[in-house]
Protein backbone atom coordinates (compact mmCIF):
# COMPACT_ATOMS: atom_id res chain seq x y z
CA MET A 1 54.60 -26.28 16.13
CA SER A 2 53.43 -24.40 19.37
CA ARG A 3 49.64 -24.87 20.19
CA CYS A 4 47.85 -23.87 23.27
CA GLU A 5 46.23 -27.05 24.88
CA LEU A 6 43.22 -24.95 26.19
CA THR A 7 42.34 -22.34 23.68
CA GLY A 8 43.71 -24.08 20.38
CA LYS A 9 45.72 -20.91 19.54
CA ARG A 10 48.31 -21.80 16.75
CA PRO A 11 50.93 -19.91 14.88
CA MET A 12 49.46 -17.23 12.47
CA VAL A 13 50.93 -16.44 8.90
CA LYS A 14 50.69 -12.77 8.15
CA ASN A 15 51.98 -10.20 5.56
CA LEU A 16 54.40 -7.51 6.48
CA VAL A 17 53.59 -4.83 4.17
CA SER A 18 56.23 -1.98 3.46
CA HIS A 19 55.56 1.46 2.41
CA SER A 20 56.06 0.63 -1.30
CA ASN A 21 53.24 -2.02 -0.57
CA ARG A 22 55.52 -4.96 -1.02
CA LYS A 23 54.36 -7.96 1.02
CA THR A 24 56.69 -10.29 2.92
CA LYS A 25 55.16 -13.51 4.55
CA SER A 26 55.91 -13.52 8.36
CA LYS A 27 54.86 -15.97 10.87
CA SER A 28 54.03 -15.11 14.54
CA ASN A 29 53.89 -17.85 17.17
CA PRO A 30 51.74 -17.60 20.33
CA ASN A 31 53.43 -17.30 23.79
CA VAL A 32 52.97 -20.92 24.86
CA GLN A 33 54.40 -21.78 28.14
CA SER A 34 54.62 -25.29 29.86
CA LYS A 35 52.70 -24.82 33.22
CA ARG A 36 51.69 -26.90 36.13
CA LEU A 37 48.10 -25.80 37.13
CA PHE A 38 46.10 -26.79 40.21
CA SER A 39 42.71 -28.31 39.79
CA ARG A 40 40.67 -27.80 42.91
CA THR A 41 38.28 -30.62 42.05
CA LEU A 42 40.89 -33.24 41.35
CA ASP A 43 43.11 -31.81 44.20
CA GLU A 44 46.24 -32.26 42.16
CA MET A 45 48.60 -30.43 39.64
CA VAL A 46 48.06 -30.80 35.95
CA ARG A 47 50.84 -30.19 33.39
CA LEU A 48 49.75 -28.37 30.21
CA GLN A 49 51.17 -26.25 27.57
CA ILE A 50 49.13 -23.01 27.51
CA ALA A 51 49.10 -19.53 26.06
CA THR A 52 49.66 -16.67 28.41
CA LYS A 53 46.42 -15.15 27.30
CA ALA A 54 44.78 -18.44 28.41
CA ILE A 55 46.39 -17.84 31.86
CA LYS A 56 44.93 -14.41 32.29
CA ASP A 57 41.56 -15.76 31.16
CA MET A 58 41.56 -18.71 33.42
CA GLU A 59 42.17 -16.40 36.51
CA HIS A 60 39.34 -14.26 35.30
CA MET A 61 36.87 -17.11 35.17
CA GLY A 62 37.71 -18.40 38.55
CA GLY A 63 40.49 -21.10 38.04
CA LEU A 64 41.28 -24.14 35.78
CA ASP A 65 38.17 -26.22 36.39
CA ALA A 66 35.78 -23.56 35.44
CA PHE A 67 37.75 -22.57 32.34
CA LEU A 68 37.98 -26.12 31.11
CA LEU A 69 34.23 -26.79 31.66
CA SER A 70 33.26 -23.52 29.61
CA GLN A 71 35.66 -24.43 26.56
CA PRO A 72 34.19 -26.22 23.61
CA GLU A 73 35.65 -29.67 22.99
CA GLU A 74 36.88 -28.90 19.41
CA LYS A 75 39.59 -26.39 20.95
CA LEU A 76 40.95 -28.67 23.64
CA SER A 77 43.79 -31.08 23.04
CA PRO A 78 43.43 -34.81 23.83
CA ARG A 79 45.26 -34.13 27.33
CA ALA A 80 43.05 -31.30 28.33
CA LEU A 81 39.90 -33.36 27.24
CA ASP A 82 41.21 -36.08 29.63
CA VAL A 83 41.54 -33.65 32.48
CA ARG A 84 38.05 -32.29 31.72
CA ASN A 85 36.43 -35.64 31.61
CA ARG A 86 38.28 -36.40 35.04
CA ILE A 87 36.79 -33.24 36.54
CA LYS A 88 33.27 -34.00 35.22
CA ARG A 89 33.26 -37.54 36.67
CA LYS A 90 34.59 -36.32 40.03
CA MET A 91 31.91 -33.53 40.16
CA SER A 92 29.00 -36.13 39.24
CA ARG A 93 30.42 -38.55 42.21
CA LYS A 94 30.20 -35.68 44.58
CA LYS A 95 26.57 -34.73 43.57
CA LYS A 96 25.45 -38.23 44.08
CA HIS A 97 26.74 -38.43 47.54
């Protein structure tokens, strides 16, 4: 099952409705891609499976770090949560110095 690790997008079940109003169940999967993304704070590449819509939103917000920090924890996968926590720790160390 494909799932975006940043936005939590999952496959949707929908009905295809014909002219005679007969309903046929259908499933649509999100466009999930395996991508290597650069984190400026960590200064390294991070591999995540993300939806193409999330890539566009991430560019609009100013990069991976800003996007991860703005997302609620419930939507993030365990791998994305780990990256987010590493970013937060690194940012708190920079503020102390």
